């Protein structure tokens, strides 16, 4: 994948704009290579937003969340609509990069090379995920934490920061769903030095075996949303039937130069 260089001399993959959000033209191998380079450098905390039309939709409703996506080291296209838009803009992306596949591929490729921390999921899910990935790929588990479904107290927040600092992970996987996980990464990017944080949402449930993944053909044809809606209608109906269709209409206006979004 070609890259472009900014005025400071650092290399970044090209991106395309979707409703004011710069989405990077990356595939699985590009993201893994970037993660390893950040781990090797250990200069700062990078966070990766793995997002689809849902994240873009949320950014239209919340300027601060749009700022969070724009500040990410990478905004990775998770979802075929973003892949199709990349092609529309002249970037020949082959397929989407979803969080569960990236987690699986990174752990399989790097094995015990790095230390992993898992933050998120319902009670016990992070532990099951860590155990599963350790047994299958021999990863080094630095720690896990499943936060309560409420804001943390100041004491709990201090405990989390201290736990992550003591664990000294190379990669921190965050499974809180969008936009909560991106907000968490943004708010914690300066509170500890972790080379890579990634918001992977439902990957915690999928890769721990708690939830069933959609068939591959549905994911590759842009129909995974339908499978997930059928599996979790109560939680996801508004996302897939209201929020995302509204954003798709805005994207259509942008594509045909009828409206510009910043």
Protein backbone atom coordinates (compact mmCIF):
# COMPACT_ATOMS: atom_id res chain seq x y z
CA UNK A 1 0.00 0.00 0.00
CA UNK A 2 1.54 3.35 -0.99
CA UNK A 3 1.97 6.02 1.65
CA UNK A 4 2.22 9.78 1.74
CA UNK A 5 4.65 11.84 3.79
CA UNK A 6 3.72 14.92 5.79
CA UNK A 7 5.83 18.00 6.31
CA UNK A 8 7.42 16.60 9.46
CA UNK A 9 8.80 13.68 7.45
CA UNK A 10 6.73 10.92 9.06
CA UNK A 11 5.00 8.46 6.79
CA UNK A 12 1.24 7.95 6.88
CA UNK A 13 -1.07 5.88 4.70
CA UNK A 14 -3.32 7.90 2.38
CA UNK A 15 -6.85 8.61 3.50
CA UNK A 16 -10.21 9.65 2.10
CA UNK A 17 -12.85 11.83 3.72
CA UNK A 18 -16.24 10.50 4.79
CA UNK A 19 -18.50 13.18 6.31
CA UNK A 20 -15.51 14.99 7.76
CA UNK A 21 -13.75 11.86 9.07
CA UNK A 22 -10.43 10.87 7.44
CA UNK A 23 -10.49 7.09 6.90
CA UNK A 24 -7.11 5.51 6.18
CA UNK A 25 -6.53 3.26 3.17
CA UNK A 26 -5.14 0.25 5.02
CA UNK A 27 -5.47 -3.50 4.92
CA UNK A 28 -4.73 -6.06 7.63
CA UNK A 29 -1.01 -6.34 6.90
CA UNK A 30 -0.60 -2.54 6.92
CA UNK A 31 -2.22 -2.19 10.35
CA UNK A 32 -0.16 -5.02 11.86
CA UNK A 33 3.06 -3.54 10.47
CA UNK A 34 2.16 -0.11 11.87
CA UNK A 35 1.38 -1.60 15.28
CA UNK A 36 4.71 -3.36 15.42
CA UNK A 37 6.56 -0.18 14.45
CA UNK A 38 4.87 1.71 17.29
CA UNK A 39 5.70 -1.04 19.76
CA UNK A 40 9.31 -1.04 18.62
CA UNK A 41 9.56 2.75 18.93
CA UNK A 42 7.69 3.05 22.28
CA UNK A 43 7.72 6.85 21.93
CA UNK A 44 4.07 7.59 22.69
CA UNK A 45 0.62 6.08 23.06
CA UNK A 46 -1.16 5.59 19.74
CA UNK A 47 -4.83 4.71 19.45
CA UNK A 48 -6.59 3.08 16.55
CA UNK A 49 -10.28 3.62 15.75
CA UNK A 50 -11.65 0.60 13.91
CA UNK A 51 -14.93 1.97 12.66
CA UNK A 52 -17.68 1.56 10.11
CA UNK A 53 -20.66 3.71 9.17
CA UNK A 54 -21.86 3.61 12.78
CA UNK A 55 -18.80 5.52 13.97
CA UNK A 56 -19.07 8.00 11.10
CA UNK A 57 -22.77 8.46 11.93
CA UNK A 58 -22.01 9.15 15.59
CA UNK A 59 -19.39 11.73 14.59
CA UNK A 60 -22.04 13.78 12.75
CA UNK A 61 -24.08 14.09 15.94
CA UNK A 62 -21.12 14.93 18.18
CA UNK A 63 -18.34 17.34 17.10
CA UNK A 64 -16.14 16.21 20.00
CA UNK A 65 -16.38 12.60 18.88
CA UNK A 66 -15.48 13.71 15.35
CA UNK A 67 -12.38 15.36 16.87
CA UNK A 68 -11.55 12.07 18.60
CA UNK A 69 -11.67 10.16 15.30
CA UNK A 70 -9.59 12.82 13.56
CA UNK A 71 -6.99 12.58 16.35
CA UNK A 72 -6.59 8.79 16.03
CA UNK A 73 -3.29 7.49 14.67
CA UNK A 74 -5.35 5.31 12.33
CA UNK A 75 -9.03 5.21 11.39
CA UNK A 76 -9.44 1.72 9.97
CA UNK A 77 -12.34 0.89 7.59
CA UNK A 78 -14.45 -1.77 9.29
CA UNK A 79 -17.46 -2.30 7.05
CA UNK A 80 -17.99 -2.76 3.35
CA UNK A 81 -19.62 0.67 2.84
CA UNK A 82 -16.32 2.30 3.78
CA UNK A 83 -14.47 -0.08 1.45
CA UNK A 84 -16.82 0.84 -1.38
CA UNK A 85 -16.30 4.52 -0.65
CA UNK A 86 -12.54 4.03 -0.73
CA UNK A 87 -12.87 2.57 -4.22
CA UNK A 88 -15.11 5.48 -5.23
CA UNK A 89 -12.29 7.82 -4.19
CA UNK A 90 -9.78 5.86 -6.26
CA UNK A 91 -8.17 3.72 -3.55
CA UNK A 92 -8.25 0.00 -4.50
CA UNK A 93 -8.93 -1.47 -1.05
CA UNK A 94 -9.66 -5.18 -1.30
CA UNK A 95 -11.59 -5.82 1.89
CA UNK A 96 -12.60 -4.40 5.25
CA UNK A 97 -10.53 -4.73 8.42
CA UNK A 98 -12.80 -5.65 11.33
CA UNK A 99 -11.65 -5.68 14.93
CA UNK A 100 -12.16 -9.38 15.59
CA UNK A 101 -10.19 -10.39 12.48
CA UNK A 102 -7.39 -7.94 13.29
CA UNK A 103 -7.11 -9.22 16.86
CA UNK A 104 -6.98 -12.82 15.65
CA UNK A 105 -4.45 -12.08 12.89
CA UNK A 106 -2.17 -10.01 15.12
CA UNK A 107 -2.10 -12.60 17.90
CA UNK A 108 -1.55 -15.45 15.44
CA UNK A 109 1.27 -13.63 13.63
CA UNK A 110 3.14 -12.34 16.68
CA UNK A 111 2.48 -15.10 19.24
CA UNK A 112 4.33 -14.52 22.52
CA UNK A 113 6.29 -11.55 21.17
CA UNK A 114 4.18 -8.90 22.94
CA UNK A 115 2.24 -8.32 26.14
CA UNK A 116 -1.54 -7.87 25.82
CA UNK A 117 -4.05 -6.17 28.12
CA UNK A 118 -7.82 -6.62 27.59
CA UNK A 119 -10.12 -3.86 28.87
CA UNK A 120 -13.87 -4.22 28.40
CA UNK A 121 -16.65 -6.74 27.98
CA UNK A 122 -19.16 -8.03 30.49
CA UNK A 123 -17.96 -9.73 33.66
CA UNK A 124 -15.67 -12.63 32.78
CA UNK A 125 -15.53 -11.96 29.03
CA UNK A 126 -12.08 -10.32 29.05
CA UNK A 127 -10.69 -13.24 31.05
CA UNK A 128 -12.24 -15.80 28.69
CA UNK A 129 -10.89 -13.90 25.69
CA UNK A 130 -7.38 -13.71 27.12
CA UNK A 131 -7.41 -17.42 28.00
CA UNK A 132 -8.70 -18.35 24.55
CA UNK A 133 -6.04 -16.35 22.70
CA UNK A 134 -3.27 -17.59 25.01
CA UNK A 135 -4.23 -21.22 24.45
CA UNK A 136 -4.46 -20.83 20.67
CA UNK A 137 -1.61 -18.39 19.96
CA UNK A 138 0.55 -18.45 23.11
CA UNK A 139 0.18 -14.70 23.66
CA UNK A 140 1.53 -13.12 26.84
CA UNK A 141 -1.40 -11.80 28.89
CA UNK A 142 -0.43 -8.69 30.87
CA UNK A 143 -3.85 -8.24 32.43
CA UNK A 144 -7.62 -7.94 32.05
CA UNK A 145 -10.30 -5.63 33.41
CA UNK A 146 -14.07 -5.69 32.90
CA UNK A 147 -15.45 -2.28 33.95
CA UNK A 148 -18.94 -1.91 35.43
CA UNK A 149 -21.76 -0.59 33.22
CA UNK A 150 -21.55 2.86 34.82
CA UNK A 151 -18.96 5.64 35.10
CA UNK A 152 -15.99 4.65 37.23
CA UNK A 153 -15.49 6.33 40.57
CA UNK A 154 -12.28 8.34 41.04
CA UNK A 155 -10.89 5.48 43.12
CA UNK A 156 -11.71 2.90 40.43
CA UNK A 157 -10.23 5.13 37.76
CA UNK A 158 -6.98 5.46 39.70
CA UNK A 159 -6.93 1.69 40.19
CA UNK A 160 -7.31 1.07 36.45
CA UNK A 161 -4.50 3.48 35.57
CA UNK A 162 -2.22 1.93 38.18
CA UNK A 163 -3.06 -1.59 36.98
CA UNK A 164 -2.27 -0.77 33.36
CA UNK A 165 0.97 0.99 34.30
CA UNK A 166 2.07 -1.96 36.42
CA UNK A 167 1.19 -4.46 33.70
CA UNK A 168 3.22 -2.54 31.09
CA UNK A 169 1.40 -3.98 28.05
CA UNK A 170 2.52 -3.48 24.48
CA UNK A 171 -1.05 -3.64 23.17
CA UNK A 172 -4.23 -2.63 24.97
CA UNK A 173 -7.42 -4.00 23.40
CA UNK A 174 -10.53 -1.99 24.32
CA UNK A 175 -13.98 -3.54 23.93
CA UNK A 176 -16.59 -1.00 25.02
CA UNK A 177 -18.48 -0.40 21.74
CA UNK A 178 -18.53 2.81 19.71
CA UNK A 179 -18.36 5.67 20.68
CA UNK A 180 -17.55 4.79 24.30
CA UNK A 181 -14.32 2.94 23.49
CA UNK A 182 -12.92 5.76 21.34
CA UNK A 183 -13.72 8.28 24.07
CA UNK A 184 -11.95 6.07 26.61
CA UNK A 185 -8.82 5.78 24.48
CA UNK A 186 -8.74 9.51 23.81
CA UNK A 187 -9.16 10.36 27.50
CA UNK A 188 -6.43 7.89 28.56
CA UNK A 189 -3.88 8.48 25.80
CA UNK A 190 -1.68 10.58 28.10
CA UNK A 191 -2.32 8.71 31.37
CA UNK A 192 -0.02 5.75 30.66
CA UNK A 193 2.48 4.72 28.02
CA UNK A 194 1.04 1.89 25.97
CA UNK A 195 2.38 1.83 22.40
CA UNK A 196 -0.94 0.75 20.89
CA UNK A 197 -4.57 0.95 22.01
CA UNK A 198 -7.29 -0.40 19.71
CA UNK A 199 -11.06 -0.06 20.00
CA UNK A 200 -12.37 -3.43 18.83
CA UNK A 201 -15.95 -3.45 20.17
CA UNK A 202 -17.71 -6.78 19.70
CA UNK A 203 -14.40 -8.59 19.11
CA UNK A 204 -14.41 -9.38 22.83
CA UNK A 205 -17.67 -11.30 22.48
CA UNK A 206 -16.83 -12.85 19.10
CA UNK A 207 -13.29 -13.99 19.89
CA UNK A 208 -14.17 -15.29 23.35
CA UNK A 209 -16.95 -17.42 21.85
CA UNK A 210 -19.75 -15.55 23.61
CA UNK A 211 -21.35 -14.42 20.33
CA UNK A 212 -21.50 -16.15 16.94
CA UNK A 213 -19.90 -14.38 13.98
CA UNK A 214 -21.81 -13.82 10.77
CA UNK A 215 -20.88 -16.16 7.89
CA UNK A 216 -17.85 -14.91 5.95
CA UNK A 217 -19.89 -14.35 2.80
CA UNK A 218 -22.20 -11.96 4.66
CA UNK A 219 -19.26 -9.95 5.94
CA UNK A 220 -17.65 -9.76 2.51
CA UNK A 221 -20.86 -8.61 0.82
CA UNK A 222 -21.83 -5.97 3.35
CA UNK A 223 -24.59 -7.99 5.01
CA UNK A 224 -23.08 -8.63 8.44
CA UNK A 225 -25.28 -5.84 9.80
CA UNK A 226 -28.35 -7.94 8.96
CA UNK A 227 -27.00 -10.97 10.79
CA UNK A 228 -26.15 -8.89 13.87
CA UNK A 229 -29.54 -7.19 13.80
CA UNK A 230 -31.28 -10.58 13.77
CA UNK A 231 -29.10 -11.82 16.65
CA UNK A 232 -29.40 -8.67 18.83
CA UNK A 233 -32.49 -6.76 17.60
CA UNK A 234 -33.25 -5.00 20.88
CA UNK A 235 -29.75 -3.51 21.20
CA UNK A 236 -28.97 -2.79 17.55
CA UNK A 237 -32.23 -1.86 15.80
CA UNK A 238 -31.75 1.89 16.14
CA UNK A 239 -28.14 1.73 14.93
CA UNK A 240 -28.93 -0.19 11.75
CA UNK A 241 -32.42 1.10 10.95
CA UNK A 242 -32.14 4.79 11.93
CA UNK A 243 -28.62 6.08 12.65
CA UNK A 244 -26.68 4.50 9.77
CA UNK A 245 -29.33 5.07 7.04
CA UNK A 246 -29.30 8.77 7.95
CA UNK A 247 -25.51 8.87 7.50
CA UNK A 248 -25.74 7.01 4.19
CA UNK A 249 -28.08 9.71 2.89
CA UNK A 250 -25.51 12.36 3.89
CA UNK A 251 -22.74 10.36 2.20
CA UNK A 252 -24.82 10.29 -1.00
CA UNK A 253 -25.08 14.09 -0.91
CA UNK A 254 -21.31 14.32 -0.38
CA UNK A 255 -20.47 11.88 -3.18
CA UNK A 256 -22.42 13.89 -5.75
CA UNK A 257 -21.06 17.22 -4.47
CA UNK A 258 -24.48 18.40 -3.29
CA UNK A 259 -23.20 19.10 0.24
CA UNK A 260 -19.80 19.29 1.89
CA UNK A 261 -19.14 18.03 5.42
CA UNK A 262 -16.20 19.18 7.54
